[in-house]
Structure formats: structure tokens, C-alpha cells
């Protein structure tokens, strides 16, 4: 499907100047623009709008609404790509034996190796530590604590992956 046909169908299926309507149709039919999104040239842009949009629009002449349709497609493609990368990262951690756990008082005192995933922060990454689980009776939550620490630790949440030793 050409870009022009994709834009016409998106507008026909509810995309308008509001910017909130018509996203579902674009999300469902995003694969129609894979001939753009799957090229090496596009992937080298790393999803940056100022690099990707000139590549998507190329030499075609579009009005403002048509450009917004393509911008929405760009945004939804980035969302899909980030979700895929996140799932691959979680799968890799699971293969290494690290899993998310629930807050359970029965796990208090267990020796663990844990990875903290703060890669979505500015200077974040994956930090691998060894320690134990500690139950906080005040907060009713589990905390992963590094060896030799008594007070400072990391709350067990979706960004902490644990492997029992």
C-alpha cells in the first residue's frame, strides 16, 4: 500500500484534526508501511523524529493533516519497537534464571542474586547484585538488599529480577 492510500484510508476510518481519533485503525494497519519502517536507512535513524520524518515523507507533497497521519504512524511504530525490545530483554533475563517475584513475607531472609533494571533512566542500565530479601513490616513489602546492608535496599517491583541462590 502506498503512503497516499494509507493516509486516505486512515482519514476515512476516523483520523481527524482532533489527533485523538483514528489511532486504532493506524495501529492495526501499521504493517502496511513496513516497506518504510523495515529498511536499514530507517533503522539507522534510531526512531528520532527529526531524522525519520524526512525519510517517511521523502519528496511527496502532503497537507498538514496527512503529515500528522504519518507522524502518528511513526509514533506507533516506535511504541511497537520499544515493546518488542522490552520483551526481548525480559526473555533474555528469564533465560538467565532471573524472574520477577511477588511481595511475600515467606521469602524473608532468602539469599538471592538480583538485577535492577533502571535502563529507562538517564544514566541507567542493568545492575547485578548479590544479597538477600528482607520484609518490611511497616510497609508490608519485600526489599532486595545488598550484602552487608541493613537499611538501604530496593523495593521489589517490576524492575527487579531475582534468582534464588
Protein backbone atom coordinates (compact mmCIF):
# COMPACT_ATOMS: atom_id res chain seq x y z
CA UNK A 1 0.00 0.00 0.00
CA UNK A 2 1.36 3.42 -0.87
CA UNK A 3 1.68 6.20 1.69
CA UNK A 4 -1.03 8.22 -0.05
CA UNK A 5 -3.50 5.32 0.04
CA UNK A 6 -2.64 4.62 3.70
CA UNK A 7 -3.29 8.28 4.58
CA UNK A 8 -6.61 8.33 2.71
CA UNK A 9 -7.80 5.15 4.46
CA UNK A 10 -6.71 6.48 7.87
CA UNK A 11 -8.70 9.69 7.35
CA UNK A 12 -11.66 7.69 6.02
CA UNK A 13 -11.54 5.48 9.14
CA UNK A 14 -11.76 8.34 11.62
CA UNK A 15 -8.42 10.16 11.80
CA UNK A 16 -9.10 13.90 12.06
CA UNK A 17 -7.65 17.19 13.28
CA UNK A 18 -8.50 16.27 16.86
CA UNK A 19 -5.46 13.98 16.98
CA UNK A 20 -7.19 11.54 19.33
CA UNK A 21 -9.35 9.74 16.80
CA UNK A 22 -8.32 7.09 14.30
CA UNK A 23 -5.28 5.75 16.13
CA UNK A 24 -6.77 2.26 16.41
CA UNK A 25 -7.01 1.86 12.65
CA UNK A 26 -3.44 3.08 12.17
CA UNK A 27 -2.19 0.73 14.93
CA UNK A 28 -3.93 -2.26 13.32
CA UNK A 29 -2.68 -1.47 9.80
CA UNK A 30 0.81 -0.26 10.67
CA UNK A 31 2.37 -3.24 8.92
CA UNK A 32 1.26 -1.71 5.60
CA UNK A 33 4.09 0.81 6.00
CA UNK A 34 6.73 -1.81 6.84
CA UNK A 35 8.31 -1.18 3.46
CA UNK A 36 9.49 2.09 5.06
CA UNK A 37 9.91 1.04 8.70
CA UNK A 38 11.95 -2.10 7.99
CA UNK A 39 14.60 -0.51 5.78
CA UNK A 40 18.17 -0.20 7.06
CA UNK A 41 18.09 3.52 6.33
CA UNK A 42 15.07 3.97 8.64
CA UNK A 43 16.55 1.74 11.37
CA UNK A 44 19.75 3.80 11.33
CA UNK A 45 17.67 6.82 12.36
CA UNK A 46 17.09 5.15 15.78
CA UNK A 47 13.47 6.33 15.87
CA UNK A 48 14.37 10.01 16.16
CA UNK A 49 11.58 12.13 14.72
CA UNK A 50 13.80 14.77 13.14
CA UNK A 51 15.65 12.04 11.23
CA UNK A 52 12.74 9.70 10.48
CA UNK A 53 10.06 12.10 9.30
CA UNK A 54 12.01 13.46 6.31
CA UNK A 55 12.67 9.84 5.33
CA UNK A 56 8.98 8.91 5.65
CA UNK A 57 7.70 11.98 3.82
CA UNK A 58 10.55 11.97 1.24
CA UNK A 59 9.75 14.13 -1.80
CA UNK A 60 5.96 13.76 -1.63
CA UNK A 61 3.74 16.79 -1.06
CA UNK A 62 1.28 16.37 1.82
CA UNK A 63 -1.01 18.77 3.64
CA UNK A 64 -0.85 19.22 7.40
CA UNK A 65 -3.43 16.52 8.26
CA UNK A 66 -1.70 13.97 6.01
CA UNK A 67 1.65 14.69 7.67
CA UNK A 68 0.01 14.18 11.09
CA UNK A 69 -1.21 10.75 9.95
CA UNK A 70 2.37 9.83 9.08
CA UNK A 71 3.63 11.26 12.39
CA UNK A 72 1.11 9.11 14.23
CA UNK A 73 2.28 6.06 12.28
CA UNK A 74 5.89 6.94 13.19
CA UNK A 75 4.93 7.26 16.89
CA UNK A 76 3.03 3.95 16.93
CA UNK A 77 5.88 2.19 15.14
CA UNK A 78 8.31 3.43 17.81
CA UNK A 79 5.92 2.20 20.51
CA UNK A 80 5.75 -1.23 18.88
CA UNK A 81 9.54 -1.38 18.52
CA UNK A 82 10.13 -0.43 22.17
CA UNK A 83 7.65 -3.05 23.39
CA UNK A 84 9.42 -5.68 21.29
CA UNK A 85 12.84 -4.69 22.67
CA UNK A 86 11.47 -4.76 26.24
CA UNK A 87 10.03 -8.24 25.74
CA UNK A 88 13.34 -9.48 24.29
CA UNK A 89 15.20 -8.06 27.32
CA UNK A 90 12.79 -9.76 29.76
CA UNK A 91 13.05 -13.04 27.85
CA UNK A 92 16.86 -12.86 27.99
CA UNK A 93 16.76 -12.26 31.76
CA UNK A 94 14.33 -15.16 32.22
CA UNK A 95 16.65 -17.46 30.25
CA UNK A 96 19.47 -16.47 32.62
CA UNK A 97 17.24 -17.55 35.55
CA UNK A 98 16.10 -14.11 36.74
CA UNK A 99 12.37 -13.61 37.27
CA UNK A 100 10.01 -11.11 38.85
CA UNK A 101 8.63 -12.16 42.21
CA UNK A 102 5.64 -11.06 44.25
CA UNK A 103 5.76 -9.46 47.68
CA UNK A 104 5.52 -12.41 50.06
CA UNK A 105 6.60 -12.41 53.71
CA UNK A 106 7.62 -16.09 53.41
CA UNK A 107 10.59 -15.08 51.23
CA UNK A 108 12.16 -13.03 54.04
CA UNK A 109 15.85 -13.84 54.53
CA UNK A 110 16.35 -15.82 51.28
CA UNK A 111 19.74 -15.38 49.63
CA UNK A 112 19.43 -14.02 46.11
CA UNK A 113 21.23 -12.65 43.14
CA UNK A 114 19.24 -9.81 41.65
CA UNK A 115 19.29 -7.48 38.68
CA UNK A 116 17.89 -3.97 38.87
CA UNK A 117 16.71 -2.66 35.52
CA UNK A 118 16.82 1.11 35.52
CA UNK A 119 17.68 1.38 31.84
CA UNK A 120 14.79 3.76 31.23
CA UNK A 121 16.51 6.41 33.38
CA UNK A 122 19.07 8.88 32.07
CA UNK A 123 22.24 7.12 33.24
CA UNK A 124 20.61 3.77 33.98
CA UNK A 125 21.37 0.24 32.98
CA UNK A 126 21.27 -3.26 34.37
CA UNK A 127 22.92 -3.63 37.77
CA UNK A 128 23.67 -7.15 39.00
CA UNK A 129 23.98 -7.55 42.78
CA UNK A 130 24.09 -10.29 45.41
CA UNK A 131 22.21 -10.04 48.68
CA UNK A 132 19.09 -11.16 50.49
CA UNK A 133 15.39 -10.44 50.65
CA UNK A 134 14.13 -8.51 53.64
CA UNK A 135 10.49 -8.00 54.65
CA UNK A 136 9.48 -4.52 55.82
CA UNK A 137 6.70 -4.93 58.42
CA UNK A 138 5.87 -1.22 58.29
CA UNK A 139 5.47 -1.01 54.51
CA UNK A 140 4.34 -4.63 54.05
CA UNK A 141 6.75 -5.03 51.12
CA UNK A 142 9.79 -7.05 50.23
CA UNK A 143 13.11 -5.37 49.75
CA UNK A 144 16.19 -6.68 47.96
CA UNK A 145 19.22 -5.70 49.99
CA UNK A 146 22.86 -5.91 49.00
CA UNK A 147 25.19 -7.95 51.18
CA UNK A 148 26.25 -6.17 54.39
CA UNK A 149 23.40 -3.64 54.15
CA UNK A 150 20.76 -3.35 56.86
CA UNK A 151 18.73 -0.28 55.97
CA UNK A 152 19.10 0.56 52.30
CA UNK A 153 17.71 -1.65 49.60
CA UNK A 154 15.49 -1.85 46.55
CA UNK A 155 11.74 -2.39 46.70
CA UNK A 156 10.62 -5.45 44.80
CA UNK A 157 8.74 -4.17 41.76
CA UNK A 158 8.57 -4.80 38.02
CA UNK A 159 12.17 -3.60 37.52
CA UNK A 160 13.80 -6.08 39.93
CA UNK A 161 14.60 -9.58 38.65
CA UNK A 162 15.57 -12.21 41.22
CA UNK A 163 17.41 -15.53 41.08
CA UNK A 164 17.47 -17.59 44.29
CA UNK A 165 20.83 -18.99 45.40
